[in-house]
Amino acid sequence: MGSFSIWHWLIVLVIVLVLFGRGRIAEMMGDFGKGISSFKKGMNETEDTVAKAARIEPPVTPTPTEAPAPAPADKTDSPGA
């Protein structure tokens, strides 16, 4: 009832190979690898989407234009009128 020795694992491996065959195991491992790569691709797409949504755009500063012309002085403001 202790841990499995190397011989136990070798016997289990031989039984699995006999039951499933080498081709079936290779196919399952290929599918497993495709699933992992698909998962990583999905995670990268999610990170890109979050990064784009979290990006803070700098505030738009208006471009300097010509200074407004000074208003003409009224002649009614002169004293003694």
C-alpha atoms as a PDB file:
ATOM      1  CA  MET A   1       0.000   0.000   0.000  1.00  0.00           C
ATOM      2  CA  GLY A   2       2.939   2.277  -0.465  1.00  0.00           C
ATOM      3  CA  SER A   3       3.791   4.401  -3.452  1.00  0.00           C
ATOM      4  CA  PHE A   4       4.121   2.825  -6.871  1.00  0.00           C
ATOM      5  CA  SER A   5       7.559   1.698  -7.953  1.00  0.00           C
ATOM      6  CA  ILE A   6       8.976   2.069 -11.444  1.00  0.00           C
ATOM      7  CA  TRP A   7       7.885  -1.490 -12.264  1.00  0.00           C
ATOM      8  CA  HIS A   8       4.274  -0.699 -11.439  1.00  0.00           C
ATOM      9  CA  TRP A   9       4.343   2.304 -13.755  1.00  0.00           C
ATOM     10  CA  LEU A  10       5.960   0.280 -16.566  1.00  0.00           C
ATOM     11  CA  ILE A  11       3.254  -2.373 -16.295  1.00  0.00           C
ATOM     12  CA  VAL A  12       0.541   0.309 -16.411  1.00  0.00           C
ATOM     13  CA  LEU A  13       2.231   1.851 -19.461  1.00  0.00           C
ATOM     14  CA  VAL A  14       2.338  -1.506 -21.277  1.00  0.00           C
ATOM     15  CA  ILE A  15      -1.354  -2.128 -20.534  1.00  0.00           C
ATOM     16  CA  VAL A  16      -2.294   1.342 -21.804  1.00  0.00           C
ATOM     17  CA  LEU A  17      -0.272   0.799 -24.991  1.00  0.00           C
ATOM     18  CA  VAL A  18      -1.936  -2.560 -25.589  1.00  0.00           C
ATOM     19  CA  LEU A  19      -5.436  -1.180 -25.030  1.00  0.00           C
ATOM     20  CA  PHE A  20      -5.156   2.047 -27.001  1.00  0.00           C
ATOM     21  CA  GLY A  21      -2.307   1.406 -29.402  1.00  0.00           C
ATOM     22  CA  ARG A  22       0.517   3.764 -30.220  1.00  0.00           C
ATOM     23  CA  GLY A  23      -1.394   5.670 -32.915  1.00  0.00           C
ATOM     24  CA  ARG A  24      -4.380   6.424 -30.694  1.00  0.00           C
ATOM     25  CA  ILE A  25      -2.167   7.771 -27.898  1.00  0.00           C
ATOM     26  CA  ALA A  26      -0.248   9.951 -30.361  1.00  0.00           C
ATOM     27  CA  GLU A  27      -3.577  11.287 -31.680  1.00  0.00           C
ATOM     28  CA  MET A  28      -4.785  12.061 -28.146  1.00  0.00           C
ATOM     29  CA  MET A  29      -1.545  13.876 -27.325  1.00  0.00           C
ATOM     30  CA  GLY A  30      -1.797  15.861 -30.580  1.00  0.00           C
ATOM     31  CA  ASP A  31      -5.338  16.896 -29.680  1.00  0.00           C
ATOM     32  CA  PHE A  32      -4.144  17.826 -26.202  1.00  0.00           C
ATOM     33  CA  GLY A  33      -1.367  19.994 -27.685  1.00  0.00           C
ATOM     34  CA  LYS A  34      -3.824  21.719 -30.039  1.00  0.00           C
ATOM     35  CA  GLY A  35      -6.116  22.429 -27.104  1.00  0.00           C
ATOM     36  CA  ILE A  36      -3.265  23.983 -25.119  1.00  0.00           C
ATOM     37  CA  SER A  37      -2.182  26.179 -28.038  1.00  0.00           C
ATOM     38  CA  SER A  38      -5.787  27.249 -28.632  1.00  0.00           C
ATOM     39  CA  PHE A  39      -6.110  28.145 -24.951  1.00  0.00           C
ATOM     40  CA  LYS A  40      -2.910  30.229 -25.039  1.00  0.00           C
ATOM     41  CA  LYS A  41      -4.093  32.005 -28.195  1.00  0.00           C
ATOM     42  CA  GLY A  42      -7.405  32.831 -26.531  1.00  0.00           C
ATOM     43  CA  MET A  43      -5.620  34.149 -23.444  1.00  0.00           C
ATOM     44  CA  ASN A  44      -3.397  36.404 -25.588  1.00  0.00           C
ATOM     45  CA  GLU A  45      -6.437  37.748 -27.460  1.00  0.00           C
ATOM     46  CA  THR A  46      -8.159  38.482 -24.160  1.00  0.00           C
ATOM     47  CA  GLU A  47      -5.080  40.268 -22.812  1.00  0.00           C
ATOM     48  CA  ASP A  48      -4.870  42.367 -25.996  1.00  0.00           C
ATOM     49  CA  THR A  49      -8.551  43.294 -25.739  1.00  0.00           C
ATOM     50  CA  VAL A  50      -8.205  44.269 -22.086  1.00  0.00           C
ATOM     51  CA  ALA A  51      -5.059  46.283 -22.813  1.00  0.00           C
ATOM     52  CA  LYS A  52      -6.827  48.187 -25.594  1.00  0.00           C
ATOM     53  CA  ALA A  53      -9.836  48.881 -23.379  1.00  0.00           C
ATOM     54  CA  ALA A  54      -7.674  50.018 -20.469  1.00  0.00           C
ATOM     55  CA  ARG A  55      -5.465  52.266 -22.560  1.00  0.00           C
ATOM     56  CA  ILE A  56      -6.024  55.885 -21.546  1.00  0.00           C
ATOM     57  CA  GLU A  57      -5.751  58.319 -24.378  1.00  0.00           C
ATOM     58  CA  PRO A  58      -3.959  61.571 -23.560  1.00  0.00           C
ATOM     59  CA  PRO A  59      -6.242  64.615 -23.504  1.00  0.00           C
ATOM     60  CA  VAL A  60      -6.474  66.504 -26.754  1.00  0.00           C
ATOM     61  CA  THR A  61      -4.969  69.965 -26.437  1.00  0.00           C
ATOM     62  CA  PRO A  62      -6.199  72.590 -28.851  1.00  0.00           C
ATOM     63  CA  THR A  63      -3.635  73.858 -31.275  1.00  0.00           C
ATOM     64  CA  PRO A  64      -2.630  77.458 -30.729  1.00  0.00           C
ATOM     65  CA  THR A  65      -4.266  79.850 -33.151  1.00  0.00           C
ATOM     66  CA  GLU A  66      -3.884  83.526 -33.768  1.00  0.00           C
ATOM     67  CA  ALA A  67      -4.607  85.705 -30.777  1.00  0.00           C
ATOM     68  CA  PRO A  68      -7.948  87.481 -31.050  1.00  0.00           C
ATOM     69  CA  ALA A  69      -7.712  91.034 -32.295  1.00  0.00           C
ATOM     70  CA  PRO A  70      -8.221  93.637 -29.571  1.00  0.00           C
ATOM     71  CA  ALA A  71     -11.659  95.209 -29.537  1.00  0.00           C
ATOM     72  CA  PRO A  72     -11.771  98.774 -30.898  1.00  0.00           C
ATOM     73  CA  ALA A  73     -12.019 101.418 -28.215  1.00  0.00           C
ATOM     74  CA  ASP A  74     -15.336 103.275 -28.003  1.00  0.00           C
ATOM     75  CA  LYS A  75     -15.190 107.030 -28.266  1.00  0.00           C
ATOM     76  CA  THR A  76     -17.996 107.333 -25.722  1.00  0.00           C
ATOM     77  CA  ASP A  77     -15.673 106.334 -22.921  1.00  0.00           C
ATOM     78  CA  SER A  78     -13.645 109.527 -23.219  1.00  0.00           C
ATOM     79  CA  PRO A  79     -14.147 112.105 -20.451  1.00  0.00           C
ATOM     80  CA  GLY A  80     -16.041 115.213 -21.259  1.00  0.00           C
ATOM     81  CA  ALA A  81     -18.208 113.761 -23.887  1.00  0.00           C
END
